[in-house]
Amino acid sequence: METLHNETNNDCQLIVVQQNLRTLPASMLKQYADYVEYMDLSNNCLKDLAWLAEFEQLRYLVLDNNCLQESQLRTLVKPLPQLEVLMLNKNEFSDLPTTVKLLRRLFPNLQYLSLHGNPICPDGLNLKPFSNYLQYDYKYYSNFIAQSFSHLKFLDHGLVQRSYSYETFPNNIYAKTDSKIKTTKV
């Protein structure tokens, strides 16, 4: 376990990696919750995130490689509007609409989000046999996320590009009902 305090710009970092944590111990919560701005809990086994609500100063959160799923996000019931950077690489998020809905509710002011290595992210890490469709899939994925987070500037490895054309964001077709559709009998 390692904690760092930077005196020059008065921020505090809590770095606890590879400790097989399922939740943050109460002693650490009590000691750090009031002032930590940067937290890295990568390579653990987190099952409960309810304690995150106590970190009201938290702006940067790294939860890479924790086997997290949508169910663990649901354990956090209080939003963290101050959070700007969220790293969730190499977890197990598998339902894009549900994950985005939860992230938007819990972290409404994200400026940087990374989901590489999750089943929902068509970044080549999980879709090797489908590489021909990778560019299209990533455009769909990135547009879906960009539409959901108005403050988002960076997604995964680059700047957010907001282009909501039909080709790259087909969900728009399901949002409207067209009364001009006619059926014909054959």
N, C-alpha and C. Protein backbone atom coordinates (compact mmCIF):
# COMPACT_ATOMS: atom_id res chain seq x y z
N MET A 1 0.85 -1.18 0.00
CA MET A 1 0.00 0.00 0.00
C MET A 1 0.88 1.23 0.00
N GLU A 2 0.49 2.21 -0.81
CA GLU A 2 1.30 3.41 -0.94
C GLU A 2 0.39 4.62 -1.00
N THR A 3 0.72 5.65 -0.25
CA THR A 3 0.01 6.92 -0.35
C THR A 3 1.03 8.00 -0.63
N LEU A 4 0.64 8.95 -1.43
CA LEU A 4 1.53 10.04 -1.79
C LEU A 4 0.82 11.35 -1.52
N HIS A 5 1.56 12.34 -1.07
CA HIS A 5 0.99 13.68 -0.87
C HIS A 5 1.90 14.68 -1.55
N ASN A 6 1.36 15.47 -2.44
CA ASN A 6 2.13 16.46 -3.17
C ASN A 6 1.87 17.82 -2.56
N GLU A 7 2.87 18.38 -1.91
CA GLU A 7 2.73 19.65 -1.19
C GLU A 7 2.58 20.84 -2.14
N THR A 8 3.13 20.77 -3.34
CA THR A 8 3.15 21.94 -4.21
C THR A 8 1.76 22.34 -4.71
N ASN A 9 0.94 21.40 -5.09
CA ASN A 9 -0.40 21.80 -5.54
C ASN A 9 -1.49 21.25 -4.64
N ASN A 10 -1.13 20.90 -3.42
CA ASN A 10 -2.06 20.56 -2.35
C ASN A 10 -3.07 19.47 -2.72
N ASP A 11 -2.63 18.46 -3.45
CA ASP A 11 -3.53 17.35 -3.72
C ASP A 11 -2.98 16.09 -3.09
N CYS A 12 -3.84 15.11 -2.94
CA CYS A 12 -3.40 13.87 -2.32
C CYS A 12 -3.76 12.70 -3.23
N GLN A 13 -2.86 11.76 -3.27
CA GLN A 13 -3.06 10.57 -4.07
C GLN A 13 -3.10 9.35 -3.16
N LEU A 14 -4.03 8.48 -3.44
CA LEU A 14 -4.10 7.20 -2.74
C LEU A 14 -3.93 6.12 -3.79
N ILE A 15 -2.87 5.35 -3.66
CA ILE A 15 -2.57 4.29 -4.61
C ILE A 15 -2.47 2.98 -3.85
N VAL A 16 -3.42 2.09 -4.14
CA VAL A 16 -3.46 0.79 -3.49
C VAL A 16 -3.71 -0.24 -4.59
N VAL A 17 -2.64 -0.80 -5.12
CA VAL A 17 -2.74 -1.72 -6.24
C VAL A 17 -2.30 -3.12 -5.82
N GLN A 18 -2.87 -4.11 -6.48
CA GLN A 18 -2.51 -5.52 -6.28
C GLN A 18 -2.56 -5.94 -4.81
N GLN A 19 -3.65 -5.58 -4.14
CA GLN A 19 -3.81 -5.95 -2.73
C GLN A 19 -4.98 -6.90 -2.51
N ASN A 20 -5.59 -7.37 -3.60
CA ASN A 20 -6.72 -8.31 -3.52
C ASN A 20 -7.90 -7.73 -2.71
N LEU A 21 -8.09 -6.42 -2.80
CA LEU A 21 -9.18 -5.76 -2.07
C LEU A 21 -10.52 -6.06 -2.71
N ARG A 22 -11.52 -6.35 -1.89
CA ARG A 22 -12.90 -6.51 -2.35
C ARG A 22 -13.67 -5.22 -2.12
N THR A 23 -13.24 -4.45 -1.13
CA THR A 23 -13.79 -3.14 -0.81
C THR A 23 -12.68 -2.35 -0.14
N LEU A 24 -12.87 -1.06 0.02
CA LEU A 24 -11.86 -0.26 0.70
C LEU A 24 -12.05 -0.42 2.20
N PRO A 25 -11.00 -0.77 2.94
CA PRO A 25 -11.11 -0.93 4.39
C PRO A 25 -11.61 0.35 5.07
N ALA A 26 -12.41 0.19 6.12
CA ALA A 26 -12.98 1.32 6.84
C ALA A 26 -11.89 2.26 7.38
N SER A 27 -10.77 1.71 7.79
CA SER A 27 -9.69 2.54 8.32
C SER A 27 -9.13 3.48 7.24
N MET A 28 -9.01 2.98 6.02
CA MET A 28 -8.53 3.82 4.92
C MET A 28 -9.58 4.85 4.52
N LEU A 29 -10.82 4.45 4.55
CA LEU A 29 -11.91 5.36 4.23
C LEU A 29 -11.89 6.54 5.19
N LYS A 30 -11.78 6.25 6.47
CA LYS A 30 -11.77 7.30 7.49
C LYS A 30 -10.55 8.20 7.34
N GLN A 31 -9.41 7.62 7.01
CA GLN A 31 -8.16 8.37 6.92
C GLN A 31 -8.06 9.25 5.68
N TYR A 32 -8.62 8.80 4.54
CA TYR A 32 -8.36 9.49 3.27
C TYR A 32 -9.57 10.13 2.59
N ALA A 33 -10.76 9.78 2.97
CA ALA A 33 -11.96 10.22 2.23
C ALA A 33 -12.12 11.72 2.12
N ASP A 34 -11.67 12.47 3.12
CA ASP A 34 -11.90 13.91 3.13
C ASP A 34 -11.04 14.71 2.16
N TYR A 35 -9.91 14.15 1.71
CA TYR A 35 -9.02 14.99 0.91
C TYR A 35 -8.39 14.33 -0.32
N VAL A 36 -8.60 13.07 -0.56
CA VAL A 36 -7.99 12.42 -1.72
C VAL A 36 -8.64 12.91 -3.01
N GLU A 37 -7.79 13.31 -3.98
CA GLU A 37 -8.26 13.75 -5.29
C GLU A 37 -7.95 12.73 -6.38
N TYR A 38 -6.92 11.94 -6.18
CA TYR A 38 -6.50 10.94 -7.16
C TYR A 38 -6.42 9.59 -6.46
N MET A 39 -7.12 8.60 -7.01
CA MET A 39 -7.10 7.27 -6.42
C MET A 39 -6.88 6.22 -7.50
N ASP A 40 -5.95 5.31 -7.23
CA ASP A 40 -5.68 4.19 -8.13
C ASP A 40 -5.83 2.90 -7.34
N LEU A 41 -6.85 2.12 -7.68
CA LEU A 41 -7.11 0.83 -7.04
C LEU A 41 -7.06 -0.28 -8.09
N SER A 42 -6.14 -0.18 -9.01
CA SER A 42 -6.01 -1.15 -10.08
C SER A 42 -5.56 -2.51 -9.56
N ASN A 43 -5.93 -3.53 -10.34
CA ASN A 43 -5.50 -4.90 -10.06
C ASN A 43 -5.90 -5.40 -8.68
N ASN A 44 -7.15 -5.16 -8.32
CA ASN A 44 -7.73 -5.69 -7.10
C ASN A 44 -8.93 -6.56 -7.50
N CYS A 45 -9.81 -6.83 -6.56
CA CYS A 45 -11.01 -7.66 -6.81
C CYS A 45 -12.24 -6.96 -6.26
N LEU A 46 -12.40 -5.70 -6.56
CA LEU A 46 -13.48 -4.90 -5.96
C LEU A 46 -14.86 -5.47 -6.29
N LYS A 47 -15.66 -5.60 -5.27
CA LYS A 47 -17.03 -6.10 -5.42
C LYS A 47 -18.06 -5.07 -4.98
N ASP A 48 -17.62 -4.08 -4.20
CA ASP A 48 -18.51 -3.08 -3.64
C ASP A 48 -17.87 -1.71 -3.83
N LEU A 49 -18.64 -0.77 -4.38
CA LEU A 49 -18.13 0.58 -4.60
C LEU A 49 -18.90 1.63 -3.80
N ALA A 50 -19.76 1.21 -2.89
CA ALA A 50 -20.59 2.15 -2.12
C ALA A 50 -19.73 3.17 -1.38
N TRP A 51 -18.59 2.79 -0.91
CA TRP A 51 -17.69 3.66 -0.15
C TRP A 51 -17.17 4.84 -0.97
N LEU A 52 -17.20 4.76 -2.29
CA LEU A 52 -16.71 5.85 -3.14
C LEU A 52 -17.45 7.16 -2.89
N ALA A 53 -18.70 7.08 -2.48
CA ALA A 53 -19.50 8.28 -2.23
C ALA A 53 -18.89 9.16 -1.14
N GLU A 54 -18.06 8.59 -0.29
CA GLU A 54 -17.42 9.35 0.79
C GLU A 54 -16.29 10.24 0.29
N PHE A 55 -15.78 9.98 -0.91
CA PHE A 55 -14.65 10.73 -1.46
C PHE A 55 -15.15 11.92 -2.27
N GLU A 56 -15.57 12.95 -1.57
CA GLU A 56 -16.18 14.11 -2.20
C GLU A 56 -15.18 15.02 -2.91
N GLN A 57 -13.90 14.82 -2.72
CA GLN A 57 -12.86 15.60 -3.41
C GLN A 57 -12.28 14.85 -4.60
N LEU A 58 -12.68 13.62 -4.79
CA LEU A 58 -12.10 12.75 -5.81
C LEU A 58 -12.37 13.27 -7.22
N ARG A 59 -11.29 13.48 -7.97
CA ARG A 59 -11.40 13.97 -9.35
C ARG A 59 -10.88 12.96 -10.36
N TYR A 60 -9.95 12.07 -9.95
CA TYR A 60 -9.33 11.09 -10.83
C TYR A 60 -9.45 9.71 -10.18
N LEU A 61 -10.03 8.76 -10.90
CA LEU A 61 -10.23 7.42 -10.36
C LEU A 61 -9.79 6.38 -11.38
N VAL A 62 -8.90 5.49 -10.94
CA VAL A 62 -8.41 4.42 -11.79
C VAL A 62 -8.81 3.09 -11.15
N LEU A 63 -9.64 2.33 -11.85
CA LEU A 63 -10.11 1.02 -11.37
C LEU A 63 -9.83 -0.06 -12.42
N ASP A 64 -8.71 0.04 -13.08
CA ASP A 64 -8.34 -0.92 -14.11
C ASP A 64 -8.18 -2.33 -13.53
N ASN A 65 -8.56 -3.32 -14.32
CA ASN A 65 -8.31 -4.73 -14.02
C ASN A 65 -8.83 -5.14 -12.63
N ASN A 66 -10.14 -4.97 -12.44
CA ASN A 66 -10.80 -5.35 -11.19
C ASN A 66 -11.94 -6.34 -11.41
N CYS A 67 -12.12 -6.82 -12.63
CA CYS A 67 -13.25 -7.70 -12.96
C CYS A 67 -14.60 -7.05 -12.66
N LEU A 68 -14.66 -5.73 -12.77
CA LEU A 68 -15.90 -5.00 -12.50
C LEU A 68 -16.93 -5.24 -13.59
N GLN A 69 -18.18 -5.28 -13.16
CA GLN A 69 -19.33 -5.41 -14.06
C GLN A 69 -20.34 -4.33 -13.69
N GLU A 70 -21.41 -4.27 -14.44
CA GLU A 70 -22.46 -3.29 -14.16
C GLU A 70 -22.99 -3.43 -12.73
N SER A 71 -23.06 -4.63 -12.21
CA SER A 71 -23.59 -4.84 -10.85
C SER A 71 -22.76 -4.13 -9.79
N GLN A 72 -21.45 -4.03 -9.97
CA GLN A 72 -20.63 -3.31 -9.00
C GLN A 72 -20.88 -1.80 -9.08
N LEU A 73 -21.16 -1.28 -10.27
CA LEU A 73 -21.50 0.14 -10.38
C LEU A 73 -22.79 0.45 -9.63
N ARG A 74 -23.71 -0.49 -9.63
CA ARG A 74 -25.00 -0.28 -8.94
C ARG A 74 -24.85 -0.16 -7.42
N THR A 75 -23.73 -0.60 -6.86
CA THR A 75 -23.53 -0.49 -5.42
C THR A 75 -23.22 0.94 -5.00
N LEU A 76 -22.84 1.79 -5.95
CA LEU A 76 -22.60 3.21 -5.68
C LEU A 76 -23.91 3.95 -5.90
N VAL A 77 -24.53 4.40 -4.84
CA VAL A 77 -25.86 4.99 -4.95
C VAL A 77 -25.83 6.52 -5.00
N LYS A 78 -24.74 7.13 -4.61
CA LYS A 78 -24.63 8.59 -4.62
C LYS A 78 -23.69 9.03 -5.74
N PRO A 79 -24.14 9.93 -6.61
CA PRO A 79 -23.28 10.39 -7.71
C PRO A 79 -22.05 11.14 -7.21
N LEU A 80 -21.03 11.15 -8.05
CA LEU A 80 -19.80 11.90 -7.79
C LEU A 80 -19.64 12.93 -8.91
N PRO A 81 -20.34 14.07 -8.83
CA PRO A 81 -20.29 15.04 -9.91
C PRO A 81 -18.94 15.71 -10.09
N GLN A 82 -18.07 15.64 -9.10
CA GLN A 82 -16.75 16.27 -9.20
C GLN A 82 -15.75 15.40 -9.97
N LEU A 83 -16.05 14.13 -10.20
CA LEU A 83 -15.12 13.24 -10.88
C LEU A 83 -14.98 13.62 -12.36
N GLU A 84 -13.73 13.81 -12.80
CA GLU A 84 -13.46 14.22 -14.18
C GLU A 84 -12.81 13.13 -15.01
N VAL A 85 -12.03 12.26 -14.37
CA VAL A 85 -11.29 11.22 -15.08
C VAL A 85 -11.63 9.86 -14.48
N LEU A 86 -12.05 8.92 -15.35
CA LEU A 86 -12.40 7.58 -14.90
C LEU A 86 -11.77 6.55 -15.83
N MET A 87 -10.94 5.71 -15.27
CA MET A 87 -10.27 4.65 -16.02
C MET A 87 -10.83 3.30 -15.56
N LEU A 88 -11.49 2.60 -16.47
CA LEU A 88 -12.10 1.30 -16.18
C LEU A 88 -11.60 0.23 -17.16
N ASN A 89 -10.36 0.33 -17.55
CA ASN A 89 -9.79 -0.59 -18.52
C ASN A 89 -9.71 -2.02 -17.98
N LYS A 90 -9.84 -2.98 -18.89
CA LYS A 90 -9.68 -4.40 -18.58
C LYS A 90 -10.56 -4.86 -17.42
N ASN A 91 -11.84 -4.56 -17.53
CA ASN A 91 -12.83 -5.07 -16.61
C ASN A 91 -13.80 -5.95 -17.40
N GLU A 92 -15.02 -6.13 -16.93
CA GLU A 92 -15.96 -7.05 -17.58
C GLU A 92 -17.29 -6.40 -17.93
N PHE A 93 -17.28 -5.12 -18.29
CA PHE A 93 -18.51 -4.45 -18.68
C PHE A 93 -18.95 -4.98 -20.03
N SER A 94 -20.19 -5.51 -20.07
CA SER A 94 -20.63 -6.22 -21.27
C SER A 94 -21.89 -5.66 -21.91
N ASP A 95 -22.55 -4.70 -21.27
CA ASP A 95 -23.79 -4.14 -21.80
C ASP A 95 -23.61 -2.64 -21.97
N LEU A 96 -23.35 -2.19 -23.19
CA LEU A 96 -23.04 -0.79 -23.44
C LEU A 96 -24.13 0.17 -22.95
N PRO A 97 -25.40 0.00 -23.33
CA PRO A 97 -26.42 0.95 -22.86
C PRO A 97 -26.53 1.01 -21.33
N THR A 98 -26.48 -0.13 -20.67
CA THR A 98 -26.58 -0.15 -19.21
C THR A 98 -25.37 0.49 -18.56
N THR A 99 -24.19 0.16 -19.05
CA THR A 99 -22.97 0.74 -18.50
C THR A 99 -22.97 2.26 -18.65
N VAL A 100 -23.32 2.74 -19.83
CA VAL A 100 -23.32 4.18 -20.08
C VAL A 100 -24.37 4.87 -19.21
N LYS A 101 -25.53 4.27 -19.07
CA LYS A 101 -26.58 4.86 -18.23
C LYS A 101 -26.11 4.98 -16.78
N LEU A 102 -25.48 3.94 -16.27
CA LEU A 102 -24.96 3.98 -14.90
C LEU A 102 -23.84 5.00 -14.76
N LEU A 103 -22.91 5.01 -15.69
CA LEU A 103 -21.79 5.96 -15.62
C LEU A 103 -22.28 7.40 -15.71
N ARG A 104 -23.25 7.64 -16.58
CA ARG A 104 -23.79 9.00 -16.73
C ARG A 104 -24.47 9.46 -15.44
N ARG A 105 -25.20 8.55 -14.79
CA ARG A 105 -25.88 8.91 -13.53
C ARG A 105 -24.88 9.13 -12.41
N LEU A 106 -23.85 8.30 -12.33
CA LEU A 106 -22.90 8.36 -11.22
C LEU A 106 -21.80 9.40 -11.41
N PHE A 107 -21.40 9.63 -12.65
CA PHE A 107 -20.28 10.53 -12.95
C PHE A 107 -20.68 11.48 -14.08
N PRO A 108 -21.60 12.41 -13.84
CA PRO A 108 -22.18 13.22 -14.92
C PRO A 108 -21.23 14.22 -15.57
N ASN A 109 -20.11 14.51 -14.95
CA ASN A 109 -19.21 15.53 -15.48
C ASN A 109 -17.87 14.98 -15.96
N LEU A 110 -17.87 13.73 -16.38
CA LEU A 110 -16.64 13.13 -16.87
C LEU A 110 -16.09 13.89 -18.07
N GLN A 111 -14.78 14.08 -18.06
CA GLN A 111 -14.09 14.67 -19.20
C GLN A 111 -13.21 13.64 -19.89
N TYR A 112 -12.82 12.60 -19.16
CA TYR A 112 -11.98 11.55 -19.73
C TYR A 112 -12.51 10.20 -19.23
N LEU A 113 -12.76 9.30 -20.16
CA LEU A 113 -13.25 7.97 -19.83
C LEU A 113 -12.50 6.96 -20.68
N SER A 114 -12.03 5.88 -20.05
CA SER A 114 -11.36 4.83 -20.81
C SER A 114 -11.92 3.48 -20.41
N LEU A 115 -12.33 2.71 -21.44
CA LEU A 115 -12.95 1.40 -21.25
C LEU A 115 -12.25 0.31 -22.07
N HIS A 116 -11.00 0.54 -22.45
CA HIS A 116 -10.26 -0.47 -23.23
C HIS A 116 -10.27 -1.83 -22.54
N GLY A 117 -10.35 -2.87 -23.33
CA GLY A 117 -10.25 -4.22 -22.80
C GLY A 117 -11.53 -4.76 -22.17
N ASN A 118 -12.62 -4.02 -22.27
CA ASN A 118 -13.93 -4.50 -21.82
C ASN A 118 -14.68 -5.07 -23.02
N PRO A 119 -15.58 -6.03 -22.80
CA PRO A 119 -16.35 -6.56 -23.93
C PRO A 119 -17.14 -5.49 -24.68
N ILE A 120 -17.54 -4.40 -24.03
CA ILE A 120 -18.30 -3.35 -24.72
C ILE A 120 -17.44 -2.47 -25.61
N CYS A 121 -16.13 -2.53 -25.46
CA CYS A 121 -15.24 -1.66 -26.23
C CYS A 121 -14.61 -2.40 -27.39
N PRO A 122 -15.05 -2.12 -28.61
CA PRO A 122 -14.48 -2.79 -29.79
C PRO A 122 -13.12 -2.20 -30.16
N ASP A 123 -12.14 -2.46 -29.33
CA ASP A 123 -10.82 -1.87 -29.52
C ASP A 123 -9.79 -2.85 -30.05
N GLY A 124 -10.24 -4.03 -30.43
CA GLY A 124 -9.31 -5.01 -30.96
C GLY A 124 -8.78 -5.96 -29.91
N LEU A 125 -8.92 -5.61 -28.64
CA LEU A 125 -8.41 -6.48 -27.58
C LEU A 125 -9.29 -7.72 -27.41
N ASN A 126 -10.58 -7.59 -27.71
CA ASN A 126 -11.51 -8.70 -27.55
C ASN A 126 -12.14 -9.15 -28.86
N LEU A 127 -11.88 -8.42 -29.95
CA LEU A 127 -12.58 -8.69 -31.20
C LEU A 127 -11.63 -9.08 -32.33
N LYS A 128 -10.57 -9.79 -32.05
CA LYS A 128 -9.59 -10.15 -33.08
C LYS A 128 -10.22 -10.79 -34.32
N PRO A 129 -11.15 -11.74 -34.20
CA PRO A 129 -11.70 -12.35 -35.42
C PRO A 129 -12.57 -11.40 -36.24
N PHE A 130 -13.03 -10.30 -35.63
CA PHE A 130 -13.95 -9.39 -36.31
C PHE A 130 -13.27 -8.09 -36.70
N SER A 131 -11.98 -8.12 -36.95
CA SER A 131 -11.23 -6.89 -37.21
C SER A 131 -11.73 -6.12 -38.42
N ASN A 132 -12.38 -6.76 -39.38
CA ASN A 132 -12.92 -6.04 -40.54
C ASN A 132 -13.99 -5.04 -40.13
N TYR A 133 -14.69 -5.31 -39.05
CA TYR A 133 -15.76 -4.44 -38.59
C TYR A 133 -15.33 -3.49 -37.49
N LEU A 134 -14.08 -3.55 -37.11
CA LEU A 134 -13.60 -2.80 -35.97
C LEU A 134 -13.82 -1.30 -36.09
N GLN A 135 -13.47 -0.69 -37.21
CA GLN A 135 -13.60 0.75 -37.35
C GLN A 135 -15.06 1.17 -37.20
N TYR A 136 -15.98 0.47 -37.87
CA TYR A 136 -17.40 0.79 -37.77
C TYR A 136 -17.88 0.63 -36.33
N ASP A 137 -17.54 -0.48 -35.71
CA ASP A 137 -17.98 -0.74 -34.35
C ASP A 137 -17.46 0.31 -33.38
N TYR A 138 -16.20 0.71 -33.53
CA TYR A 138 -15.65 1.71 -32.62
C TYR A 138 -16.34 3.06 -32.82
N LYS A 139 -16.67 3.42 -34.06
CA LYS A 139 -17.38 4.68 -34.30
C LYS A 139 -18.75 4.66 -33.63
N TYR A 140 -19.45 3.54 -33.76
CA TYR A 140 -20.76 3.41 -33.11
C TYR A 140 -20.62 3.55 -31.60
N TYR A 141 -19.69 2.80 -31.04
CA TYR A 141 -19.43 2.82 -29.59
C TYR A 141 -19.07 4.23 -29.11
N SER A 142 -18.13 4.88 -29.79
CA SER A 142 -17.67 6.20 -29.34
C SER A 142 -18.77 7.25 -29.50
N ASN A 143 -19.57 7.17 -30.56
CA ASN A 143 -20.67 8.11 -30.72
C ASN A 143 -21.75 7.90 -29.67
N PHE A 144 -22.01 6.66 -29.33
CA PHE A 144 -23.00 6.35 -28.30
C PHE A 144 -22.58 6.98 -26.98
N ILE A 145 -21.32 6.84 -26.64
CA ILE A 145 -20.81 7.40 -25.39
C ILE A 145 -20.75 8.92 -25.46
N ALA A 146 -20.27 9.47 -26.56
CA ALA A 146 -20.17 10.93 -26.71
C ALA A 146 -21.53 11.61 -26.58
N GLN A 147 -22.56 10.98 -27.13
CA GLN A 147 -23.90 11.55 -27.03
C GLN A 147 -24.39 11.56 -25.57
N SER A 148 -23.91 10.64 -24.78
CA SER A 148 -24.37 10.49 -23.40
C SER A 148 -23.67 11.42 -22.40
N PHE A 149 -22.45 11.86 -22.74
CA PHE A 149 -21.67 12.69 -21.83
C PHE A 149 -21.32 14.01 -22.51
N SER A 150 -22.01 15.07 -22.17
CA SER A 150 -21.80 16.35 -22.85
C SER A 150 -20.45 16.98 -22.54
N HIS A 151 -19.84 16.66 -21.40
CA HIS A 151 -18.55 17.25 -21.02
C HIS A 151 -17.36 16.41 -21.46
N LEU A 152 -17.60 15.23 -22.02
CA LEU A 152 -16.52 14.31 -22.35
C LEU A 152 -15.65 14.88 -23.48
N LYS A 153 -14.33 14.92 -23.21
CA LYS A 153 -13.36 15.42 -24.18
C LYS A 153 -12.49 14.31 -24.76
N PHE A 154 -12.20 13.29 -23.93
CA PHE A 154 -11.35 12.19 -24.36
C PHE A 154 -12.04 10.87 -24.04
N LEU A 155 -11.99 9.95 -24.99
CA LEU A 155 -12.51 8.61 -24.79
C LEU A 155 -11.43 7.62 -25.21
N ASP A 156 -11.09 6.73 -24.32
CA ASP A 156 -10.10 5.69 -24.55
C ASP A 156 -8.76 6.27 -24.95
N HIS A 157 -8.50 6.40 -26.21
CA HIS A 157 -7.17 6.81 -26.66
C HIS A 157 -7.15 8.10 -27.47
N GLY A 158 -8.26 8.81 -27.51
CA GLY A 158 -8.24 10.02 -28.33
C GLY A 158 -9.35 11.00 -28.02
N LEU A 159 -9.33 12.09 -28.75
CA LEU A 159 -10.35 13.12 -28.61
C LEU A 159 -11.71 12.59 -29.00
N VAL A 160 -12.73 13.05 -28.33
CA VAL A 160 -14.10 12.66 -28.65
C VAL A 160 -14.51 13.35 -29.94
N GLN A 161 -15.00 12.56 -30.87
CA GLN A 161 -15.52 13.07 -32.13
C GLN A 161 -17.03 12.86 -32.11
N ARG A 162 -17.78 13.94 -32.14
CA ARG A 162 -19.23 13.82 -32.12
C ARG A 162 -19.77 13.95 -33.53
N SER A 163 -20.09 12.82 -34.14
CA SER A 163 -20.70 12.80 -35.48
C SER A 163 -21.82 11.78 -35.44
N TYR A 164 -23.03 12.27 -35.44
CA TYR A 164 -24.17 11.40 -35.24
C TYR A 164 -24.87 11.02 -36.54
N SER A 165 -24.12 10.64 -37.51
CA SER A 165 -24.74 10.23 -38.76
C SER A 165 -25.32 8.83 -38.61
N TYR A 166 -26.26 8.50 -39.45
CA TYR A 166 -26.93 7.20 -39.41
C TYR A 166 -25.93 6.06 -39.51
N GLU A 167 -24.93 6.21 -40.35
CA GLU A 167 -23.98 5.13 -40.57
C GLU A 167 -23.20 4.78 -39.31
N THR A 168 -22.90 5.78 -38.48
CA THR A 168 -22.09 5.50 -37.31
C THR A 168 -22.90 5.47 -36.02
N PHE A 169 -24.16 5.85 -36.08
CA PHE A 169 -24.97 5.83 -34.87
C PHE A 169 -26.40 5.39 -35.18
N PRO A 170 -26.58 4.10 -35.47
CA PRO A 170 -27.89 3.62 -35.92
C PRO A 170 -28.98 3.62 -34.87
N ASN A 171 -28.68 3.86 -33.59
CA ASN A 171 -29.73 3.88 -32.58
C ASN A 171 -30.79 4.95 -32.85
N ASN A 172 -30.44 6.00 -33.58
CA ASN A 172 -31.41 7.05 -33.87
C ASN A 172 -32.63 6.51 -34.60
N ILE A 173 -32.48 5.50 -35.38
CA ILE A 173 -33.60 4.94 -36.13
C ILE A 173 -34.66 4.35 -35.20
N TYR A 174 -34.26 3.91 -34.03
CA TYR A 174 -35.20 3.30 -33.10
C TYR A 174 -35.85 4.31 -32.18
N ALA A 175 -35.37 5.52 -32.19
CA ALA A 175 -35.91 6.53 -31.29
C ALA A 175 -37.19 7.17 -31.83
N LYS A 176 -37.46 7.05 -33.12
CA LYS A 176 -38.61 7.70 -33.73
C LYS A 176 -39.53 6.65 -34.35
N THR A 177 -40.78 6.96 -34.37
CA THR A 177 -41.72 6.11 -35.10
C THR A 177 -42.16 6.88 -36.33
N ASP A 178 -42.17 6.22 -37.42
CA ASP A 178 -42.51 6.87 -38.68
C ASP A 178 -43.94 6.48 -39.07
N SER A 179 -44.82 7.45 -39.06
CA SER A 179 -46.22 7.17 -39.38
C SER A 179 -46.44 6.99 -40.88
N LYS A 180 -45.43 7.26 -41.69
CA LYS A 180 -45.56 7.15 -43.14
C LYS A 180 -45.23 5.76 -43.66
N ILE A 181 -44.87 4.86 -42.78
CA ILE A 181 -44.54 3.50 -43.23
C ILE A 181 -45.82 2.80 -43.64
N LYS A 182 -45.80 2.25 -44.85
CA LYS A 182 -46.98 1.54 -45.35
C LYS A 182 -46.66 0.06 -45.48
N THR A 183 -47.64 -0.74 -45.26
CA THR A 183 -47.46 -2.18 -45.45
C THR A 183 -48.22 -2.58 -46.70
N THR A 184 -47.64 -3.48 -47.43
CA THR A 184 -48.31 -3.95 -48.63
C THR A 184 -48.47 -5.45 -48.54
N LYS A 185 -49.57 -5.94 -49.09
CA LYS A 185 -49.81 -7.39 -49.09
C LYS A 185 -49.29 -7.97 -50.39
N VAL A 186 -48.66 -9.09 -50.27
CA VAL A 186 -48.13 -9.76 -51.47
C VAL A 186 -49.02 -10.92 -51.84
